[in-house]
PDB file of N, CA and C in Angstrom:
ATOM      1  N   MET A   1     100.125 160.620 155.419  1.00  0.00           N
ATOM      2  CA  MET A   1      99.044 159.730 155.010  1.00  0.00           C
ATOM      3  C   MET A   1      99.366 159.161 153.626  1.00  0.00           C
ATOM      4  N   LYS A   2      99.241 157.847 153.530  1.00  0.00           N
ATOM      5  CA  LYS A   2      99.550 157.181 152.268  1.00  0.00           C
ATOM      6  C   LYS A   2      98.343 157.206 151.340  1.00  0.00           C
ATOM      7  N   LYS A   3      98.631 157.250 150.039  1.00  0.00           N
ATOM      8  CA  LYS A   3      97.598 157.152 149.010  1.00  0.00           C
ATOM      9  C   LYS A   3      97.544 155.702 148.549  1.00  0.00           C
ATOM     10  N   PHE A   4      96.374 155.294 148.074  1.00  0.00           N
ATOM     11  CA  PHE A   4      96.181 153.928 147.586  1.00  0.00           C
ATOM     12  C   PHE A   4      95.577 153.978 146.193  1.00  0.00           C
ATOM     13  N   ILE A   5      96.014 153.051 145.336  1.00  0.00           N
ATOM     14  CA  ILE A   5      95.531 153.013 143.954  1.00  0.00           C
ATOM     15  C   ILE A   5      94.736 151.729 143.707  1.00  0.00           C
ATOM     16  N   CYS A   6      93.638 151.889 142.974  1.00  0.00           N
ATOM     17  CA  CYS A   6      92.795 150.748 142.596  1.00  0.00           C
ATOM     18  C   CYS A   6      93.444 150.022 141.428  1.00  0.00           C
ATOM     19  N   GLU A   7      93.679 148.740 141.594  1.00  0.00           N
ATOM     20  CA  GLU A   7      94.290 147.959 140.521  1.00  0.00           C
ATOM     21  C   GLU A   7      93.315 147.701 139.374  1.00  0.00           C
ATOM     22  N   GLY A   8      92.029 147.922 139.616  1.00  0.00           N
ATOM     23  CA  GLY A   8      91.030 147.709 138.579  1.00  0.00           C
ATOM     24  C   GLY A   8      90.935 148.857 137.576  1.00  0.00           C
ATOM     25  N   CYS A   9      90.978 150.103 138.097  1.00  0.00           N
ATOM     26  CA  CYS A   9      90.743 151.245 137.206  1.00  0.00           C
ATOM     27  C   CYS A   9      91.754 152.387 137.342  1.00  0.00           C
ATOM     28  N   GLY A  10      92.604 152.331 138.369  1.00  0.00           N
ATOM     29  CA  GLY A  10      93.597 153.383 138.546  1.00  0.00           C
ATOM     30  C   GLY A  10      93.159 154.537 139.434  1.00  0.00           C
ATOM     31  N   TYR A  11      91.959 154.451 140.002  1.00  0.00           N
ATOM     32  CA  TYR A  11      91.494 155.493 140.923  1.00  0.00           C
ATOM     33  C   TYR A  11      92.450 155.567 142.106  1.00  0.00           C
ATOM     34  N   ILE A  12      92.793 156.771 142.526  1.00  0.00           N
ATOM     35  CA  ILE A  12      93.684 156.953 143.664  1.00  0.00           C
ATOM     36  C   ILE A  12      92.882 157.500 144.835  1.00  0.00           C
ATOM     37  N   TYR A  13      92.906 156.737 145.932  1.00  0.00           N
ATOM     38  CA  TYR A  13      92.266 157.220 147.150  1.00  0.00           C
ATOM     39  C   TYR A  13      93.288 158.066 147.890  1.00  0.00           C
ATOM     40  N   ASP A  14      92.963 159.339 148.069  1.00  0.00           N
ATOM     41  CA  ASP A  14      93.820 160.277 148.787  1.00  0.00           C
ATOM     42  C   ASP A  14      93.119 160.659 150.085  1.00  0.00           C
ATOM     43  N   PRO A  15      93.684 160.278 151.230  1.00  0.00           N
ATOM     44  CA  PRO A  15      93.050 160.579 152.513  1.00  0.00           C
ATOM     45  C   PRO A  15      92.806 162.071 152.727  1.00  0.00           C
ATOM     46  N   LEU A  16      93.636 162.906 152.146  1.00  0.00           N
ATOM     47  CA  LEU A  16      93.466 164.345 152.321  1.00  0.00           C
ATOM     48  C   LEU A  16      92.213 164.858 151.611  1.00  0.00           C
ATOM     49  N   LYS A  17      91.722 164.089 150.627  1.00  0.00           N
ATOM     50  CA  LYS A  17      90.514 164.477 149.883  1.00  0.00           C
ATOM     51  C   LYS A  17      89.280 163.702 150.328  1.00  0.00           C
ATOM     52  N   GLY A  18      89.480 162.492 150.865  1.00  0.00           N
ATOM     53  CA  GLY A  18      88.345 161.649 151.216  1.00  0.00           C
ATOM     54  C   GLY A  18      87.673 161.110 149.959  1.00  0.00           C
ATOM     55  N   ASP A  19      86.420 160.741 150.079  1.00  0.00           N
ATOM     56  CA  ASP A  19      85.647 160.201 148.948  1.00  0.00           C
ATOM     57  C   ASP A  19      84.213 160.691 149.084  1.00  0.00           C
ATOM     58  N   HIS A  20      83.926 161.798 148.419  1.00  0.00           N
ATOM     59  CA  HIS A  20      82.584 162.387 148.553  1.00  0.00           C
ATOM     60  C   HIS A  20      81.495 161.499 147.965  1.00  0.00           C
ATOM     61  N   THR A  21      81.835 160.650 147.006  1.00  0.00           N
ATOM     62  CA  THR A  21      80.857 159.745 146.402  1.00  0.00           C
ATOM     63  C   THR A  21      80.293 158.771 147.434  1.00  0.00           C
ATOM     64  N   ASN A  22      81.154 158.306 148.330  1.00  0.00           N
ATOM     65  CA  ASN A  22      80.758 157.332 149.354  1.00  0.00           C
ATOM     66  C   ASN A  22      80.665 157.961 150.746  1.00  0.00           C
ATOM     67  N   ASN A  23      80.556 159.284 150.794  1.00  0.00           N
ATOM     68  CA  ASN A  23      80.406 160.025 152.060  1.00  0.00           C
ATOM     69  C   ASN A  23      81.545 159.780 153.056  1.00  0.00           C
ATOM     70  N   ILE A  24      82.767 159.699 152.538  1.00  0.00           N
ATOM     71  CA  ILE A  24      83.951 159.543 153.385  1.00  0.00           C
ATOM     72  C   ILE A  24      84.586 160.932 153.532  1.00  0.00           C
ATOM     73  N   PRO A  25      84.662 161.444 154.760  1.00  0.00           N
ATOM     74  CA  PRO A  25      85.186 162.796 154.959  1.00  0.00           C
ATOM     75  C   PRO A  25      86.693 162.908 154.727  1.00  0.00           C
ATOM     76  N   LYS A  26      87.135 164.121 154.427  1.00  0.00           N
ATOM     77  CA  LYS A  26      88.559 164.416 154.287  1.00  0.00           C
ATOM     78  C   LYS A  26      89.266 164.009 155.569  1.00  0.00           C
ATOM     79  N   GLY A  27      90.481 163.506 155.431  1.00  0.00           N
ATOM     80  CA  GLY A  27      91.264 163.116 156.597  1.00  0.00           C
ATOM     81  C   GLY A  27      91.081 161.672 157.020  1.00  0.00           C
ATOM     82  N   THR A  28      90.241 160.909 156.304  1.00  0.00           N
ATOM     83  CA  THR A  28      90.016 159.498 156.647  1.00  0.00           C
ATOM     84  C   THR A  28      91.103 158.637 156.012  1.00  0.00           C
ATOM     85  N   GLU A  29      91.906 158.001 156.842  1.00  0.00           N
ATOM     86  CA  GLU A  29      92.955 157.135 156.321  1.00  0.00           C
ATOM     87  C   GLU A  29      92.350 155.870 155.728  1.00  0.00           C
ATOM     88  N   PHE A  30      93.069 155.272 154.776  1.00  0.00           N
ATOM     89  CA  PHE A  30      92.581 154.085 154.091  1.00  0.00           C
ATOM     90  C   PHE A  30      92.228 152.975 155.066  1.00  0.00           C
ATOM     91  N   LYS A  31      93.059 152.771 156.070  1.00  0.00           N
ATOM     92  CA  LYS A  31      92.817 151.702 157.053  1.00  0.00           C
ATOM     93  C   LYS A  31      91.539 151.933 157.849  1.00  0.00           C
ATOM     94  N   ASP A  32      91.063 153.164 157.877  1.00  0.00           N
ATOM     95  CA  ASP A  32      89.858 153.503 158.629  1.00  0.00           C
ATOM     96  C   ASP A  32      88.585 153.486 157.779  1.00  0.00           C
ATOM     97  N   LEU A  33      88.726 153.191 156.481  1.00  0.00           N
ATOM     98  CA  LEU A  33      87.540 153.085 155.625  1.00  0.00           C
ATOM     99  C   LEU A  33      86.728 151.866 156.062  1.00  0.00           C
ATOM    100  N   PRO A  34      85.410 151.929 155.932  1.00  0.00           N
ATOM    101  CA  PRO A  34      84.585 150.760 156.285  1.00  0.00           C
ATOM    102  C   PRO A  34      84.986 149.544 155.450  1.00  0.00           C
ATOM    103  N   GLU A  35      84.837 148.361 156.013  1.00  0.00           N
ATOM    104  CA  GLU A  35      85.194 147.129 155.297  1.00  0.00           C
ATOM    105  C   GLU A  35      84.394 146.963 154.004  1.00  0.00           C
ATOM    106  N   ASP A  36      83.193 147.510 153.965  1.00  0.00           N
ATOM    107  CA  ASP A  36      82.363 147.367 152.768  1.00  0.00           C
ATOM    108  C   ASP A  36      82.528 148.528 151.789  1.00  0.00           C
ATOM    109  N   TRP A  37      83.528 149.391 152.016  1.00  0.00           N
ATOM    110  CA  TRP A  37      83.797 150.506 151.096  1.00  0.00           C
ATOM    111  C   TRP A  37      84.202 149.955 149.740  1.00  0.00           C
ATOM    112  N   ILE A  38      83.754 150.605 148.662  1.00  0.00           N
ATOM    113  CA  ILE A  38      84.094 150.187 147.302  1.00  0.00           C
ATOM    114  C   ILE A  38      84.643 151.371 146.513  1.00  0.00           C
ATOM    115  N   CYS A  39      85.396 151.068 145.480  1.00  0.00           N
ATOM    116  CA  CYS A  39      85.951 152.093 144.601  1.00  0.00           C
ATOM    117  C   CYS A  39      84.796 152.897 143.995  1.00  0.00           C
ATOM    118  N   PRO A  40      84.861 154.228 144.057  1.00  0.00           N
ATOM    119  CA  PRO A  40      83.770 155.022 143.518  1.00  0.00           C
ATOM    120  C   PRO A  40      83.669 154.971 141.988  1.00  0.00           C
ATOM    121  N   LEU A  41      84.706 154.498 141.321  1.00  0.00           N
ATOM    122  CA  LEU A  41      84.665 154.433 139.859  1.00  0.00           C
ATOM    123  C   LEU A  41      84.271 153.064 139.319  1.00  0.00           C
ATOM    124  N   CYS A  42      84.953 152.014 139.778  1.00  0.00           N
ATOM    125  CA  CYS A  42      84.689 150.692 139.191  1.00  0.00           C
ATOM    126  C   CYS A  42      84.023 149.713 140.152  1.00  0.00           C
ATOM    127  N   LYS A  43      83.765 150.155 141.395  1.00  0.00           N
ATOM    128  CA  LYS A  43      82.997 149.389 142.379  1.00  0.00           C
ATOM    129  C   LYS A  43      83.671 148.122 142.904  1.00  0.00           C
ATOM    130  N   VAL A  44      85.010 148.016 142.779  1.00  0.00           N
ATOM    131  CA  VAL A  44      85.688 146.860 143.354  1.00  0.00           C
ATOM    132  C   VAL A  44      85.886 147.076 144.852  1.00  0.00           C
ATOM    133  N   LYS A  45      86.136 146.004 145.561  1.00  0.00           N
ATOM    134  CA  LYS A  45      86.299 146.070 147.012  1.00  0.00           C
ATOM    135  C   LYS A  45      87.653 146.646 147.409  1.00  0.00           C
ATOM    136  N   LYS A  46      87.749 146.994 148.652  1.00  0.00           N
ATOM    137  CA  LYS A  46      88.937 147.595 149.253  1.00  0.00           C
ATOM    138  C   LYS A  46      90.200 146.735 149.023  1.00  0.00           C
ATOM    139  N   LEU A  47      90.036 145.426 148.932  1.00  0.00           N
ATOM    140  CA  LEU A  47      91.167 144.522 148.750  1.00  0.00           C
ATOM    141  C   LEU A  47      91.903 144.720 147.426  1.00  0.00           C
ATOM    142  N   ALA A  48      91.261 145.379 146.454  1.00  0.00           N
ATOM    143  CA  ALA A  48      91.860 145.600 145.145  1.00  0.00           C
ATOM    144  C   ALA A  48      92.780 146.816 145.116  1.00  0.00           C
ATOM    145  N   PHE A  49      92.993 147.446 146.263  1.00  0.00           N
ATOM    146  CA  PHE A  49      93.842 148.640 146.335  1.00  0.00           C
ATOM    147  C   PHE A  49      95.222 148.306 146.888  1.00  0.00           C
ATOM    148  N   LYS A  50      96.217 148.989 146.352  1.00  0.00           N
ATOM    149  CA  LYS A  50      97.601 148.847 146.810  1.00  0.00           C
ATOM    150  C   LYS A  50      98.159 150.234 147.132  1.00  0.00           C
ATOM    151  N   VAL A  51      99.172 150.268 147.988  1.00  0.00           N
ATOM    152  CA  VAL A  51      99.832 151.538 148.315  1.00  0.00           C
ATOM    153  C   VAL A  51     100.404 152.121 147.025  1.00  0.00           C
ATOM    154  N   TRP A  52     100.219 153.434 146.857  1.00  0.00           N
ATOM    155  CA  TRP A  52     100.700 154.096 145.651  1.00  0.00           C
ATOM    156  C   TRP A  52     101.873 154.951 145.954  1.00  0.00           C
TER     157      TRP A  52
END
């Protein structure tokens, strides 16, 4: 599973950890995140993330 980094703030989305702030369970791959998912730190959209 690939990790993705937010270009706005540097937050790293790790599928093995999920995102408890946005109720995303562990094991959720980035491609499977909802289209309206936002960075839990700086609130930018999914499009602002790149493979890390």
